[in-house]
Amino acid sequence: MVLESLNPMHYNITSLVPDTMPVATVPILILMCFLFLIWNHEETSSIPGPGYCMGIGPLLSHGRFLWMGVGKACNYYNKTYGEFVRVWISGEETFIISK
């Protein structure tokens, strides 16, 4: 009898999870989505440049500077965004001004 009560196959796992569990997860998922949207929201800058997008923009712009070099990356951003561009180098906001 003791061995039978310790056998995990003896219990039905679905009976351990209450029926209200899926109903309770919907508000939690909605709250998490709302918090994710708030976290992603940023003030749009009047200075053109790549977007922040959860920190992916700074990683991409820094990677472009490492991969292409400063001169070619500056030329790329100037052709793409214009004479005054905001980028991130080593996690710091950097402005490229050229004509």
PDB file of N, CA and C in Angstrom:
ATOM      1  N   MET A   1       0.814  -1.183   0.000  1.00  0.00           N
ATOM      2  CA  MET A   1       0.000   0.000   0.000  1.00  0.00           C
ATOM      3  C   MET A   1       0.868   1.261   0.000  1.00  0.00           C
ATOM      4  N   VAL A   2       1.978   1.260   0.745  1.00  0.00           N
ATOM      5  CA  VAL A   2       2.876   2.407   0.783  1.00  0.00           C
ATOM      6  C   VAL A   2       3.525   2.591  -0.580  1.00  0.00           C
ATOM      7  N   LEU A   3       3.967   1.498  -1.189  1.00  0.00           N
ATOM      8  CA  LEU A   3       4.588   1.588  -2.514  1.00  0.00           C
ATOM      9  C   LEU A   3       3.572   2.063  -3.551  1.00  0.00           C
ATOM     10  N   GLU A   4       2.357   1.664  -3.406  1.00  0.00           N
ATOM     11  CA  GLU A   4       1.327   2.076  -4.355  1.00  0.00           C
ATOM     12  C   GLU A   4       1.025   3.575  -4.235  1.00  0.00           C
ATOM     13  N   SER A   5       1.104   4.130  -3.037  1.00  0.00           N
ATOM     14  CA  SER A   5       0.841   5.560  -2.863  1.00  0.00           C
ATOM     15  C   SER A   5       2.023   6.415  -3.328  1.00  0.00           C
ATOM     16  N   LEU A   6       3.232   5.852  -3.352  1.00  0.00           N
ATOM     17  CA  LEU A   6       4.403   6.587  -3.827  1.00  0.00           C
ATOM     18  C   LEU A   6       4.573   6.499  -5.338  1.00  0.00           C
ATOM     19  N   ASN A   7       3.844   5.648  -5.983  1.00  0.00           N
ATOM     20  CA  ASN A   7       3.951   5.473  -7.425  1.00  0.00           C
ATOM     21  C   ASN A   7       3.378   6.713  -8.134  1.00  0.00           C
ATOM     22  N   PRO A   8       4.191   7.412  -8.945  1.00  0.00           N
ATOM     23  CA  PRO A   8       3.674   8.611  -9.614  1.00  0.00           C
ATOM     24  C   PRO A   8       2.619   8.292 -10.673  1.00  0.00           C
ATOM     25  N   MET A   9       2.592   7.102 -11.190  1.00  0.00           N
ATOM     26  CA  MET A   9       1.591   6.728 -12.192  1.00  0.00           C
ATOM     27  C   MET A   9       0.215   6.551 -11.552  1.00  0.00           C
ATOM     28  N   HIS A  10       0.208   6.466 -10.245  1.00  0.00           N
ATOM     29  CA  HIS A  10      -1.048   6.276  -9.529  1.00  0.00           C
ATOM     30  C   HIS A  10      -1.893   7.556  -9.545  1.00  0.00           C
ATOM     31  N   TYR A  11      -1.230   8.734  -9.600  1.00  0.00           N
ATOM     32  CA  TYR A  11      -1.936  10.002  -9.551  1.00  0.00           C
ATOM     33  C   TYR A  11      -2.152  10.537 -10.965  1.00  0.00           C
ATOM     34  N   ASN A  12      -3.276  11.180 -11.157  1.00  0.00           N
ATOM     35  CA  ASN A  12      -3.556  11.834 -12.422  1.00  0.00           C
ATOM     36  C   ASN A  12      -3.097  13.281 -12.291  1.00  0.00           C
ATOM     37  N   ILE A  13      -2.124  13.692 -13.103  1.00  0.00           N
ATOM     38  CA  ILE A  13      -1.528  15.019 -12.965  1.00  0.00           C
ATOM     39  C   ILE A  13      -2.549  16.114 -13.267  1.00  0.00           C
ATOM     40  N   THR A  14      -3.514  15.839 -14.125  1.00  0.00           N
ATOM     41  CA  THR A  14      -4.501  16.874 -14.458  1.00  0.00           C
ATOM     42  C   THR A  14      -5.425  17.166 -13.290  1.00  0.00           C
ATOM     43  N   SER A  15      -5.564  16.232 -12.387  1.00  0.00           N
ATOM     44  CA  SER A  15      -6.420  16.503 -11.232  1.00  0.00           C
ATOM     45  C   SER A  15      -5.717  17.412 -10.225  1.00  0.00           C
ATOM     46  N   LEU A  16      -4.394  17.546 -10.315  1.00  0.00           N
ATOM     47  CA  LEU A  16      -3.666  18.410  -9.396  1.00  0.00           C
ATOM     48  C   LEU A  16      -3.767  19.880  -9.811  1.00  0.00           C
ATOM     49  N   VAL A  17      -3.948  20.172 -11.104  1.00  0.00           N
ATOM     50  CA  VAL A  17      -4.055  21.540 -11.593  1.00  0.00           C
ATOM     51  C   VAL A  17      -5.522  21.937 -11.572  1.00  0.00           C
ATOM     52  N   PRO A  18      -5.853  23.002 -10.884  1.00  0.00           N
ATOM     53  CA  PRO A  18      -7.266  23.388 -10.817  1.00  0.00           C
ATOM     54  C   PRO A  18      -7.769  23.892 -12.172  1.00  0.00           C
ATOM     55  N   ASP A  19      -9.082  23.842 -12.332  1.00  0.00           N
ATOM     56  CA  ASP A  19      -9.684  24.271 -13.588  1.00  0.00           C
ATOM     57  C   ASP A  19      -9.593  25.779 -13.781  1.00  0.00           C
ATOM     58  N   THR A  20      -9.399  26.527 -12.727  1.00  0.00           N
ATOM     59  CA  THR A  20      -9.332  27.988 -12.841  1.00  0.00           C
ATOM     60  C   THR A  20      -7.964  28.470 -13.316  1.00  0.00           C
ATOM     61  N   MET A  21      -6.999  27.602 -13.450  1.00  0.00           N
ATOM     62  CA  MET A  21      -5.660  28.013 -13.846  1.00  0.00           C
ATOM     63  C   MET A  21      -5.639  28.672 -15.223  1.00  0.00           C
ATOM     64  N   PRO A  22      -6.253  28.131 -16.282  1.00  0.00           N
ATOM     65  CA  PRO A  22      -6.225  28.829 -17.561  1.00  0.00           C
ATOM     66  C   PRO A  22      -6.962  30.176 -17.517  1.00  0.00           C
ATOM     67  N   VAL A  23      -7.992  30.285 -16.715  1.00  0.00           N
ATOM     68  CA  VAL A  23      -8.729  31.540 -16.599  1.00  0.00           C
ATOM     69  C   VAL A  23      -7.857  32.599 -15.920  1.00  0.00           C
ATOM     70  N   ALA A  24      -7.044  32.200 -14.985  1.00  0.00           N
ATOM     71  CA  ALA A  24      -6.182  33.138 -14.271  1.00  0.00           C
ATOM     72  C   ALA A  24      -4.985  33.568 -15.121  1.00  0.00           C
ATOM     73  N   THR A  25      -4.580  32.771 -16.097  1.00  0.00           N
ATOM     74  CA  THR A  25      -3.417  33.129 -16.891  1.00  0.00           C
ATOM     75  C   THR A  25      -3.725  34.199 -17.926  1.00  0.00           C
ATOM     76  N   VAL A  26      -4.959  34.331 -18.362  1.00  0.00           N
ATOM     77  CA  VAL A  26      -5.310  35.330 -19.371  1.00  0.00           C
ATOM     78  C   VAL A  26      -5.057  36.750 -18.860  1.00  0.00           C
ATOM     79  N   PRO A  27      -5.526  37.135 -17.668  1.00  0.00           N
ATOM     80  CA  PRO A  27      -5.203  38.490 -17.194  1.00  0.00           C
ATOM     81  C   PRO A  27      -3.702  38.701 -16.980  1.00  0.00           C
ATOM     82  N   ILE A  28      -3.006  37.672 -16.560  1.00  0.00           N
ATOM     83  CA  ILE A  28      -1.561  37.798 -16.368  1.00  0.00           C
ATOM     84  C   ILE A  28      -0.868  38.027 -17.707  1.00  0.00           C
ATOM     85  N   LEU A  29      -1.274  37.311 -18.747  1.00  0.00           N
ATOM     86  CA  LEU A  29      -0.692  37.512 -20.077  1.00  0.00           C
ATOM     87  C   LEU A  29      -1.009  38.903 -20.627  1.00  0.00           C
ATOM     88  N   ILE A  30      -2.229  39.372 -20.394  1.00  0.00           N
ATOM     89  CA  ILE A  30      -2.599  40.720 -20.844  1.00  0.00           C
ATOM     90  C   ILE A  30      -1.761  41.765 -20.114  1.00  0.00           C
ATOM     91  N   LEU A  31      -1.563  41.585 -18.813  1.00  0.00           N
ATOM     92  CA  LEU A  31      -0.743  42.511 -18.038  1.00  0.00           C
ATOM     93  C   LEU A  31       0.701  42.502 -18.515  1.00  0.00           C
ATOM     94  N   MET A  32       1.235  41.320 -18.805  1.00  0.00           N
ATOM     95  CA  MET A  32       2.611  41.221 -19.293  1.00  0.00           C
ATOM     96  C   MET A  32       2.764  41.897 -20.650  1.00  0.00           C
ATOM     97  N   CYS A  33       1.788  41.730 -21.537  1.00  0.00           N
ATOM     98  CA  CYS A  33       1.834  42.398 -22.844  1.00  0.00           C
ATOM     99  C   CYS A  33       1.775  43.908 -22.687  1.00  0.00           C
ATOM    100  N   PHE A  34       0.932  44.382 -21.778  1.00  0.00           N
ATOM    101  CA  PHE A  34       0.825  45.816 -21.523  1.00  0.00           C
ATOM    102  C   PHE A  34       2.138  46.371 -20.983  1.00  0.00           C
ATOM    103  N   LEU A  35       2.769  45.676 -20.045  1.00  0.00           N
ATOM    104  CA  LEU A  35       4.051  46.114 -19.506  1.00  0.00           C
ATOM    105  C   LEU A  35       5.143  46.077 -20.557  1.00  0.00           C
ATOM    106  N   PHE A  36       5.095  45.081 -21.444  1.00  0.00           N
ATOM    107  CA  PHE A  36       6.067  44.995 -22.536  1.00  0.00           C
ATOM    108  C   PHE A  36       5.923  46.175 -23.490  1.00  0.00           C
ATOM    109  N   LEU A  37       4.686  46.571 -23.785  1.00  0.00           N
ATOM    110  CA  LEU A  37       4.463  47.728 -24.657  1.00  0.00           C
ATOM    111  C   LEU A  37       4.948  49.018 -24.002  1.00  0.00           C
ATOM    112  N   ILE A  38       4.714  49.166 -22.711  1.00  0.00           N
ATOM    113  CA  ILE A  38       5.195  50.351 -22.001  1.00  0.00           C
ATOM    114  C   ILE A  38       6.719  50.378 -21.993  1.00  0.00           C
ATOM    115  N   TRP A  39       7.338  49.226 -21.777  1.00  0.00           N
ATOM    116  CA  TRP A  39       8.794  49.136 -21.729  1.00  0.00           C
ATOM    117  C   TRP A  39       9.405  49.472 -23.083  1.00  0.00           C
ATOM    118  N   ASN A  40       8.737  49.088 -24.170  1.00  0.00           N
ATOM    119  CA  ASN A  40       9.245  49.344 -25.511  1.00  0.00           C
ATOM    120  C   ASN A  40       9.010  50.769 -25.980  1.00  0.00           C
ATOM    121  N   HIS A  41       8.054  51.453 -25.374  1.00  0.00           N
ATOM    122  CA  HIS A  41       7.727  52.803 -25.824  1.00  0.00           C
ATOM    123  C   HIS A  41       8.884  53.745 -25.533  1.00  0.00           C
ATOM    124  N   GLU A  42       9.227  54.532 -26.517  1.00  0.00           N
ATOM    125  CA  GLU A  42      10.277  55.518 -26.331  1.00  0.00           C
ATOM    126  C   GLU A  42       9.831  56.822 -26.965  1.00  0.00           C
ATOM    127  N   GLU A  43      10.360  57.876 -26.461  1.00  0.00           N
ATOM    128  CA  GLU A  43      10.093  59.175 -27.053  1.00  0.00           C
ATOM    129  C   GLU A  43      10.827  59.234 -28.384  1.00  0.00           C
ATOM    130  N   THR A  44      10.126  59.616 -29.428  1.00  0.00           N
ATOM    131  CA  THR A  44      10.772  59.704 -30.722  1.00  0.00           C
ATOM    132  C   THR A  44      11.635  60.950 -30.761  1.00  0.00           C
ATOM    133  N   SER A  45      12.823  60.781 -31.236  1.00  0.00           N
ATOM    134  CA  SER A  45      13.766  61.876 -31.301  1.00  0.00           C
ATOM    135  C   SER A  45      13.589  62.627 -32.608  1.00  0.00           C
ATOM    136  N   SER A  46      13.874  63.919 -32.574  1.00  0.00           N
ATOM    137  CA  SER A  46      13.800  64.701 -33.803  1.00  0.00           C
ATOM    138  C   SER A  46      15.041  64.490 -34.654  1.00  0.00           C
ATOM    139  N   ILE A  47      16.047  63.843 -34.092  1.00  0.00           N
ATOM    140  CA  ILE A  47      17.287  63.589 -34.819  1.00  0.00           C
ATOM    141  C   ILE A  47      17.155  62.227 -35.506  1.00  0.00           C
ATOM    142  N   PRO A  48      17.396  62.160 -36.813  1.00  0.00           N
ATOM    143  CA  PRO A  48      17.256  60.874 -37.504  1.00  0.00           C
ATOM    144  C   PRO A  48      18.364  59.900 -37.119  1.00  0.00           C
ATOM    145  N   GLY A  49      18.052  58.643 -37.277  1.00  0.00           N
ATOM    146  CA  GLY A  49      19.015  57.593 -36.989  1.00  0.00           C
ATOM    147  C   GLY A  49      18.290  56.288 -36.761  1.00  0.00           C
ATOM    148  N   PRO A  50      19.039  55.219 -36.560  1.00  0.00           N
ATOM    149  CA  PRO A  50      18.391  53.931 -36.306  1.00  0.00           C
ATOM    150  C   PRO A  50      17.618  53.953 -34.996  1.00  0.00           C
ATOM    151  N   GLY A  51      16.504  53.225 -34.956  1.00  0.00           N
ATOM    152  CA  GLY A  51      15.670  53.181 -33.763  1.00  0.00           C
ATOM    153  C   GLY A  51      16.303  52.392 -32.640  1.00  0.00           C
ATOM    154  N   TYR A  52      15.777  52.604 -31.444  1.00  0.00           N
ATOM    155  CA  TYR A  52      16.314  51.913 -30.263  1.00  0.00           C
ATOM    156  C   TYR A  52      15.859  50.458 -30.226  1.00  0.00           C
ATOM    157  N   CYS A  53      14.570  50.209 -30.339  1.00  0.00           N
ATOM    158  CA  CYS A  53      13.973  48.872 -30.460  1.00  0.00           C
ATOM    159  C   CYS A  53      14.538  47.862 -29.462  1.00  0.00           C
ATOM    160  N   MET A  54      14.277  48.100 -28.180  1.00  0.00           N
ATOM    161  CA  MET A  54      14.668  47.204 -27.080  1.00  0.00           C
ATOM    162  C   MET A  54      16.175  46.979 -27.003  1.00  0.00           C
ATOM    163  N   GLY A  55      16.966  47.933 -27.425  1.00  0.00           N
ATOM    164  CA  GLY A  55      18.414  47.794 -27.342  1.00  0.00           C
ATOM    165  C   GLY A  55      19.043  47.127 -28.536  1.00  0.00           C
ATOM    166  N   ILE A  56      18.236  46.714 -29.501  1.00  0.00           N
ATOM    167  CA  ILE A  56      18.799  46.062 -30.691  1.00  0.00           C
ATOM    168  C   ILE A  56      19.450  47.103 -31.594  1.00  0.00           C
ATOM    169  N   GLY A  57      18.868  48.304 -31.690  1.00  0.00           N
ATOM    170  CA  GLY A  57      19.437  49.370 -32.510  1.00  0.00           C
ATOM    171  C   GLY A  57      20.850  49.737 -32.101  1.00  0.00           C
ATOM    172  N   PRO A  58      21.105  49.966 -30.799  1.00  0.00           N
ATOM    173  CA  PRO A  58      22.478  50.250 -30.395  1.00  0.00           C
ATOM    174  C   PRO A  58      23.444  49.113 -30.694  1.00  0.00           C
ATOM    175  N   LEU A  59      22.996  47.883 -30.528  1.00  0.00           N
ATOM    176  CA  LEU A  59      23.876  46.749 -30.845  1.00  0.00           C
ATOM    177  C   LEU A  59      24.204  46.700 -32.331  1.00  0.00           C
ATOM    178  N   LEU A  60      23.204  46.956 -33.166  1.00  0.00           N
ATOM    179  CA  LEU A  60      23.439  46.923 -34.609  1.00  0.00           C
ATOM    180  C   LEU A  60      24.345  48.062 -35.056  1.00  0.00           C
ATOM    181  N   SER A  61      24.118  49.272 -34.539  1.00  0.00           N
ATOM    182  CA  SER A  61      24.962  50.389 -34.970  1.00  0.00           C
ATOM    183  C   SER A  61      26.398  50.217 -34.469  1.00  0.00           C
ATOM    184  N   HIS A  62      26.567  49.737 -33.249  1.00  0.00           N
ATOM    185  CA  HIS A  62      27.916  49.487 -32.739  1.00  0.00           C
ATOM    186  C   HIS A  62      28.598  48.374 -33.536  1.00  0.00           C
ATOM    187  N   GLY A  63      27.843  47.325 -33.852  1.00  0.00           N
ATOM    188  CA  GLY A  63      28.397  46.245 -34.673  1.00  0.00           C
ATOM    189  C   GLY A  63      28.783  46.725 -36.066  1.00  0.00           C
ATOM    190  N   ARG A  64      27.989  47.634 -36.636  1.00  0.00           N
ATOM    191  CA  ARG A  64      28.324  48.182 -37.957  1.00  0.00           C
ATOM    192  C   ARG A  64      29.630  48.963 -37.890  1.00  0.00           C
ATOM    193  N   PHE A  65      29.833  49.742 -36.814  1.00  0.00           N
ATOM    194  CA  PHE A  65      31.079  50.493 -36.684  1.00  0.00           C
ATOM    195  C   PHE A  65      32.269  49.554 -36.513  1.00  0.00           C
ATOM    196  N   LEU A  66      32.084  48.465 -35.769  1.00  0.00           N
ATOM    197  CA  LEU A  66      33.179  47.510 -35.605  1.00  0.00           C
ATOM    198  C   LEU A  66      33.470  46.770 -36.904  1.00  0.00           C
ATOM    199  N   TRP A  67      32.424  46.431 -37.643  1.00  0.00           N
ATOM    200  CA  TRP A  67      32.575  45.621 -38.844  1.00  0.00           C
ATOM    201  C   TRP A  67      33.103  46.442 -40.024  1.00  0.00           C
ATOM    202  N   MET A  68      32.537  47.638 -40.232  1.00  0.00           N
ATOM    203  CA  MET A  68      32.885  48.438 -41.403  1.00  0.00           C
ATOM    204  C   MET A  68      34.011  49.434 -41.139  1.00  0.00           C
ATOM    205  N   GLY A  69      34.234  49.778 -39.910  1.00  0.00           N
ATOM    206  CA  GLY A  69      35.177  50.843 -39.596  1.00  0.00           C
ATOM    207  C   GLY A  69      34.433  52.162 -39.480  1.00  0.00           C
ATOM    208  N   VAL A  70      35.077  53.122 -38.883  1.00  0.00           N
ATOM    209  CA  VAL A  70      34.417  54.391 -38.596  1.00  0.00           C
ATOM    210  C   VAL A  70      34.066  55.134 -39.879  1.00  0.00           C
ATOM    211  N   GLY A  71      34.991  55.223 -40.809  1.00  0.00           N
ATOM    212  CA  GLY A  71      34.759  55.999 -42.029  1.00  0.00           C
ATOM    213  C   GLY A  71      33.621  55.463 -42.872  1.00  0.00           C
ATOM    214  N   LYS A  72      33.640  54.161 -43.168  1.00  0.00           N
ATOM    215  CA  LYS A  72      32.591  53.565 -44.006  1.00  0.00           C
ATOM    216  C   LYS A  72      31.241  53.564 -43.300  1.00  0.00           C
ATOM    217  N   ALA A  73      31.242  53.331 -41.986  1.00  0.00           N
ATOM    218  CA  ALA A  73      29.979  53.341 -41.246  1.00  0.00           C
ATOM    219  C   ALA A  73      29.391  54.747 -41.211  1.00  0.00           C
ATOM    220  N   CYS A  74      30.233  55.761 -41.034  1.00  0.00           N
ATOM    221  CA  CYS A  74      29.740  57.149 -41.063  1.00  0.00           C
ATOM    222  C   CYS A  74      29.163  57.482 -42.430  1.00  0.00           C
ATOM    223  N   ASN A  75      29.850  57.072 -43.489  1.00  0.00           N
ATOM    224  CA  ASN A  75      29.337  57.318 -44.844  1.00  0.00           C
ATOM    225  C   ASN A  75      28.002  56.612 -45.060  1.00  0.00           C
ATOM    226  N   TYR A  76      27.885  55.377 -44.567  1.00  0.00           N
ATOM    227  CA  TYR A  76      26.629  54.630 -44.699  1.00  0.00           C
ATOM    228  C   TYR A  76      25.487  55.364 -44.003  1.00  0.00           C
ATOM    229  N   TYR A  77      25.710  55.772 -42.741  1.00  0.00           N
ATOM    230  CA  TYR A  77      24.657  56.450 -41.995  1.00  0.00           C
ATOM    231  C   TYR A  77      24.326  57.808 -42.605  1.00  0.00           C
ATOM    232  N   ASN A  78      25.317  58.505 -43.130  1.00  0.00           N
ATOM    233  CA  ASN A  78      25.053  59.796 -43.770  1.00  0.00           C
ATOM    234  C   ASN A  78      24.248  59.624 -45.048  1.00  0.00           C
ATOM    235  N   LYS A  79      24.517  58.601 -45.816  1.00  0.00           N
ATOM    236  CA  LYS A  79      23.726  58.347 -47.022  1.00  0.00           C
ATOM    237  C   LYS A  79      22.304  57.918 -46.662  1.00  0.00           C
ATOM    238  N   THR A  80      22.164  57.161 -45.588  1.00  0.00           N
ATOM    239  CA  THR A  80      20.857  56.634 -45.206  1.00  0.00           C
ATOM    240  C   THR A  80      19.992  57.677 -44.512  1.00  0.00           C
ATOM    241  N   TYR A  81      20.566  58.449 -43.574  1.00  0.00           N
ATOM    242  CA  TYR A  81      19.763  59.322 -42.728  1.00  0.00           C
ATOM    243  C   TYR A  81      20.005  60.815 -42.941  1.00  0.00           C
ATOM    244  N   GLY A  82      21.077  61.199 -43.599  1.00  0.00           N
ATOM    245  CA  GLY A  82      21.334  62.618 -43.836  1.00  0.00           C
ATOM    246  C   GLY A  82      22.595  63.101 -43.150  1.00  0.00           C
ATOM    247  N   GLU A  83      22.716  64.440 -43.050  1.00  0.00           N
ATOM    248  CA  GLU A  83      23.951  65.052 -42.556  1.00  0.00           C
ATOM    249  C   GLU A  83      24.136  64.947 -41.043  1.00  0.00           C
ATOM    250  N   PHE A  84      23.050  64.898 -40.308  1.00  0.00           N
ATOM    251  CA  PHE A  84      23.105  64.873 -38.849  1.00  0.00           C
ATOM    252  C   PHE A  84      22.424  63.592 -38.378  1.00  0.00           C
ATOM    253  N   VAL A  85      23.199  62.661 -37.820  1.00  0.00           N
ATOM    254  CA  VAL A  85      22.692  61.320 -37.502  1.00  0.00           C
ATOM    255  C   VAL A  85      23.003  60.986 -36.047  1.00  0.00           C
ATOM    256  N   ARG A  86      22.065  60.288 -35.401  1.00  0.00           N
ATOM    257  CA  ARG A  86      22.265  59.803 -34.037  1.00  0.00           C
ATOM    258  C   ARG A  86      22.491  58.290 -34.102  1.00  0.00           C
ATOM    259  N   VAL A  87      23.615  57.815 -33.586  1.00  0.00           N
ATOM    260  CA  VAL A  87      23.925  56.382 -33.524  1.00  0.00           C
ATOM    261  C   VAL A  87      24.433  56.073 -32.114  1.00  0.00           C
ATOM    262  N   TRP A  88      24.675  54.812 -31.868  1.00  0.00           N
ATOM    263  CA  TRP A  88      25.218  54.396 -30.580  1.00  0.00           C
ATOM    264  C   TRP A  88      26.571  53.730 -30.816  1.00  0.00           C
ATOM    265  N   ILE A  89      27.565  54.176 -30.081  1.00  0.00           N
ATOM    266  CA  ILE A  89      28.887  53.549 -30.115  1.00  0.00           C
ATOM    267  C   ILE A  89      29.240  53.211 -28.673  1.00  0.00           C
ATOM    268  N   SER A  90      29.509  51.951 -28.410  1.00  0.00           N
ATOM    269  CA  SER A  90      29.804  51.443 -27.058  1.00  0.00           C
ATOM    270  C   SER A  90      28.704  51.788 -26.071  1.00  0.00           C
ATOM    271  N   GLY A  91      27.453  51.761 -26.529  1.00  0.00           N
ATOM    272  CA  GLY A  91      26.314  51.996 -25.663  1.00  0.00           C
ATOM    273  C   GLY A  91      26.033  53.457 -25.381  1.00  0.00           C
ATOM    274  N   GLU A  92      26.814  54.368 -25.953  1.00  0.00           N
ATOM    275  CA  GLU A  92      26.601  55.788 -25.740  1.00  0.00           C
ATOM    276  C   GLU A  92      26.040  56.421 -27.004  1.00  0.00           C
ATOM    277  N   GLU A  93      25.098  57.313 -26.811  1.00  0.00           N
ATOM    278  CA  GLU A  93      24.509  58.001 -27.951  1.00  0.00           C
ATOM    279  C   GLU A  93      25.554  58.935 -28.544  1.00  0.00           C
ATOM    280  N   THR A  94      25.778  58.813 -29.845  1.00  0.00           N
ATOM    281  CA  THR A  94      26.805  59.580 -30.540  1.00  0.00           C
ATOM    282  C   THR A  94      26.182  60.263 -31.732  1.00  0.00           C
ATOM    283  N   PHE A  95      26.562  61.492 -31.995  1.00  0.00           N
ATOM    284  CA  PHE A  95      26.058  62.235 -33.120  1.00  0.00           C
ATOM    285  C   PHE A  95      27.111  62.330 -34.198  1.00  0.00           C
ATOM    286  N   ILE A  96      26.733  62.042 -35.434  1.00  0.00           N
ATOM    287  CA  ILE A  96      27.625  62.170 -36.575  1.00  0.00           C
ATOM    288  C   ILE A  96      27.155  63.394 -37.355  1.00  0.00           C
ATOM    289  N   ILE A  97      28.045  64.368 -37.474  1.00  0.00           N
ATOM    290  CA  ILE A  97      27.720  65.595 -38.199  1.00  0.00           C
ATOM    291  C   ILE A  97      28.673  65.681 -39.381  1.00  0.00           C
ATOM    292  N   SER A  98      28.126  65.743 -40.580  1.00  0.00           N
ATOM    293  CA  SER A  98      28.969  65.832 -41.774  1.00  0.00           C
ATOM    294  C   SER A  98      28.231  66.562 -42.869  1.00  0.00           C
ATOM    295  N   LYS A  99      28.946  66.953 -43.851  1.00  0.00           N
ATOM    296  CA  LYS A  99      28.333  67.618 -45.002  1.00  0.00           C
ATOM    297  C   LYS A  99      29.030  67.147 -46.252  1.00  0.00           C
TER     298      LYS A  99
END
